[in-house]
């Protein structure tokens, strides 16, 4: 039994009660994934599981057996070679204290994949057509990731910038 975390094989913990979040932070020392509310309400613990965004505080590590987990550490480039979305966050002031930023980045990457697959959201006007990434659509899709500093406008602008660049 193993989980693939950022491309490395990791054994599933012997204790079946260990959450994926605690495995990442306490066992693997991948502290970029944050423990905010520990009940699925803030999004600070968002990671990608098989390219889909999930709240790692709500998942047992054992449930990720045989699956691929990508954390902010697996996305992050070095200081001179940031992921395009990270650079957009910097350029658009999409971060202040930075606590929620790893979860915001992971969530936004997962959101872009949802848009590309054509997954509708609550505010998608025509569910038979591919969703259009309007500000309202982006805000709805990112609504599960809270920012206590109030950087939401910059976060939306950063995502819009990345979407415009990848569409070109």
Protein backbone atom coordinates (compact mmCIF):
# COMPACT_ATOMS: atom_id res chain seq x y z
CA UNK A 1 0.00 0.00 0.00
CA UNK A 2 1.44 3.32 -1.07
CA UNK A 3 0.53 6.87 -2.03
CA UNK A 4 2.39 8.88 -4.65
CA UNK A 5 3.10 12.30 -3.13
CA UNK A 6 4.72 14.81 -5.47
CA UNK A 7 6.09 11.93 -7.53
CA UNK A 8 7.55 9.96 -4.61
CA UNK A 9 6.13 6.74 -3.24
CA UNK A 10 5.07 7.03 0.40
CA UNK A 11 3.75 4.16 2.53
CA UNK A 12 0.20 4.43 3.82
CA UNK A 13 0.33 5.01 7.61
CA UNK A 14 -0.31 2.01 9.83
CA UNK A 15 -2.83 4.04 11.83
CA UNK A 16 -6.00 4.16 9.73
CA UNK A 17 -7.15 7.31 11.59
CA UNK A 18 -4.43 9.56 10.12
CA UNK A 19 -5.86 12.21 7.81
CA UNK A 20 -4.17 12.97 4.53
CA UNK A 21 -3.44 16.45 5.89
CA UNK A 22 -1.67 15.05 8.96
CA UNK A 23 0.28 12.59 6.82
CA UNK A 24 1.53 15.46 4.66
CA UNK A 25 2.35 17.87 7.49
CA UNK A 26 3.30 15.70 10.45
CA UNK A 27 4.77 12.60 8.82
CA UNK A 28 6.23 13.95 5.56
CA UNK A 29 6.97 17.50 6.82
CA UNK A 30 5.32 19.06 3.77
CA UNK A 31 4.10 22.10 5.67
CA UNK A 32 2.98 24.13 2.65
CA UNK A 33 -0.43 22.50 2.99
CA UNK A 34 -1.99 24.40 5.87
CA UNK A 35 -4.24 23.25 8.68
CA UNK A 36 -6.82 25.98 9.01
CA UNK A 37 -10.16 24.83 10.39
CA UNK A 38 -9.58 21.05 10.25
CA UNK A 39 -13.23 20.60 9.28
CA UNK A 40 -13.40 21.41 5.55
CA UNK A 41 -14.65 24.98 5.82
CA UNK A 42 -11.64 27.12 4.84
CA UNK A 43 -9.78 25.44 1.95
CA UNK A 44 -6.30 26.02 3.41
CA UNK A 45 -5.57 22.29 3.14
CA UNK A 46 -6.51 21.96 -0.55
CA UNK A 47 -4.29 19.58 -2.54
CA UNK A 48 -4.74 17.79 -5.85
CA UNK A 49 -5.66 14.09 -5.75
CA UNK A 50 -5.40 12.49 -9.18
CA UNK A 51 -5.57 16.06 -10.58
CA UNK A 52 -8.81 16.88 -8.71
CA UNK A 53 -8.86 19.35 -5.83
CA UNK A 54 -9.77 17.97 -2.44
CA UNK A 55 -9.71 19.09 1.18
CA UNK A 56 -6.99 16.96 2.73
CA UNK A 57 -8.34 17.44 6.27
CA UNK A 58 -11.50 15.53 5.28
CA UNK A 59 -9.75 12.52 3.76
CA UNK A 60 -8.05 9.66 5.51
CA UNK A 61 -4.57 8.93 4.21
CA UNK A 62 -5.60 5.30 3.67
CA UNK A 63 -8.23 6.49 1.16
CA UNK A 64 -5.41 7.83 -1.02
CA UNK A 65 -3.82 4.38 -1.38
CA UNK A 66 -2.58 3.90 -4.93
CA UNK A 67 -3.39 7.48 -5.87
CA UNK A 68 -1.40 10.55 -6.86
CA UNK A 69 -1.25 13.55 -4.48
CA UNK A 70 0.19 16.89 -5.57
CA UNK A 71 0.89 19.53 -2.91
CA UNK A 72 2.16 23.08 -3.27
CA UNK A 73 5.70 21.71 -2.86
CA UNK A 74 5.17 19.64 -6.01
CA UNK A 75 3.93 22.69 -7.91
CA UNK A 76 6.40 25.27 -6.68
CA UNK A 77 9.36 26.19 -8.78
CA UNK A 78 12.41 27.88 -7.30
CA UNK A 79 12.42 31.63 -6.64
CA UNK A 80 13.51 32.39 -10.20
CA UNK A 81 11.16 29.89 -11.84
CA UNK A 82 7.71 30.12 -10.25
CA UNK A 83 4.64 28.34 -11.60
CA UNK A 84 2.73 30.75 -13.86
CA UNK A 85 -0.11 31.01 -11.35
CA UNK A 86 2.27 31.79 -8.48
CA UNK A 87 3.80 34.58 -10.55
CA UNK A 88 0.31 35.91 -11.33
CA UNK A 89 -0.52 35.94 -7.59
CA UNK A 90 2.56 38.11 -7.01
CA UNK A 91 1.80 40.41 -9.93
CA UNK A 92 -1.85 40.95 -8.92
CA UNK A 93 -1.38 41.12 -5.12
CA UNK A 94 -3.26 37.86 -4.72
CA UNK A 95 -1.61 37.24 -1.37
CA UNK A 96 -0.94 39.12 1.81
CA UNK A 97 -0.05 36.97 4.80
CA UNK A 98 0.32 33.94 2.51
CA UNK A 99 -1.33 31.41 4.83
CA UNK A 100 -4.13 30.51 2.42
CA UNK A 101 -2.01 30.87 -0.73
CA UNK A 102 -0.92 27.22 -1.12
CA UNK A 103 -4.53 26.05 -0.93
CA UNK A 104 -5.63 28.85 -3.27
CA UNK A 105 -2.96 27.85 -5.83
CA UNK A 106 -3.87 24.15 -5.68
CA UNK A 107 -7.57 24.95 -5.87
CA UNK A 108 -7.11 27.29 -8.84
CA UNK A 109 -5.10 24.67 -10.74
CA UNK A 110 -7.86 22.12 -10.09
CA UNK A 111 -10.49 24.71 -11.09
CA UNK A 112 -8.80 25.33 -14.43
CA UNK A 113 -8.93 21.58 -15.12
CA UNK A 114 -12.65 21.58 -14.25
CA UNK A 115 -13.23 24.42 -16.72
CA UNK A 116 -11.31 22.56 -19.44
CA UNK A 117 -13.37 19.40 -18.81
CA UNK A 118 -16.56 21.47 -19.09
CA UNK A 119 -17.73 20.80 -15.53
CA UNK A 120 -20.53 23.27 -14.70
CA UNK A 121 -20.73 25.19 -11.43
CA UNK A 122 -23.66 26.64 -9.54
CA UNK A 123 -23.49 29.85 -11.60
CA UNK A 124 -22.90 28.28 -15.03
CA UNK A 125 -25.67 29.77 -17.18
CA UNK A 126 -25.80 27.08 -19.89
CA UNK A 127 -24.85 23.65 -18.57
CA UNK A 128 -24.93 22.22 -22.09
CA UNK A 129 -22.10 24.51 -23.27
CA UNK A 130 -18.52 24.74 -22.01
CA UNK A 131 -18.37 27.08 -18.99
CA UNK A 132 -17.07 30.59 -19.62
CA UNK A 133 -14.56 31.71 -16.97
CA UNK A 134 -16.29 34.96 -16.03
CA UNK A 135 -15.46 36.70 -12.75
CA UNK A 136 -18.67 35.28 -11.27
CA UNK A 137 -17.74 31.77 -12.43
CA UNK A 138 -14.22 32.04 -10.97
CA UNK A 139 -15.50 33.47 -7.69
CA UNK A 140 -18.05 30.68 -7.33
CA UNK A 141 -15.51 27.98 -8.08
CA UNK A 142 -13.01 29.48 -5.61
CA UNK A 143 -15.61 30.18 -2.91
CA UNK A 144 -14.46 27.24 -0.80
CA UNK A 145 -11.04 28.84 -0.31
CA UNK A 146 -11.17 31.68 2.19
CA UNK A 147 -8.69 34.54 2.54
CA UNK A 148 -8.94 36.36 5.84
CA UNK A 149 -6.72 39.19 4.53
CA UNK A 150 -9.15 40.12 1.78
CA UNK A 151 -6.97 39.39 -1.25
CA UNK A 152 -9.87 37.85 -3.18
CA UNK A 153 -9.86 40.49 -5.95
CA UNK A 154 -6.16 39.89 -6.60
CA UNK A 155 -6.69 36.14 -6.55
CA UNK A 156 -9.46 36.38 -9.16
CA UNK A 157 -7.32 38.73 -11.29
CA UNK A 158 -4.37 36.32 -11.07
CA UNK A 159 -6.57 33.43 -12.22
CA UNK A 160 -8.02 35.53 -15.04
CA UNK A 161 -4.49 36.43 -16.12
CA UNK A 162 -3.38 32.80 -16.14
CA UNK A 163 -6.51 31.71 -18.06
CA UNK A 164 -5.98 34.46 -20.65
CA UNK A 165 -2.35 33.47 -21.08
CA UNK A 166 -3.09 29.73 -21.46
CA UNK A 167 -5.92 30.46 -23.92
CA UNK A 168 -3.61 32.46 -26.18
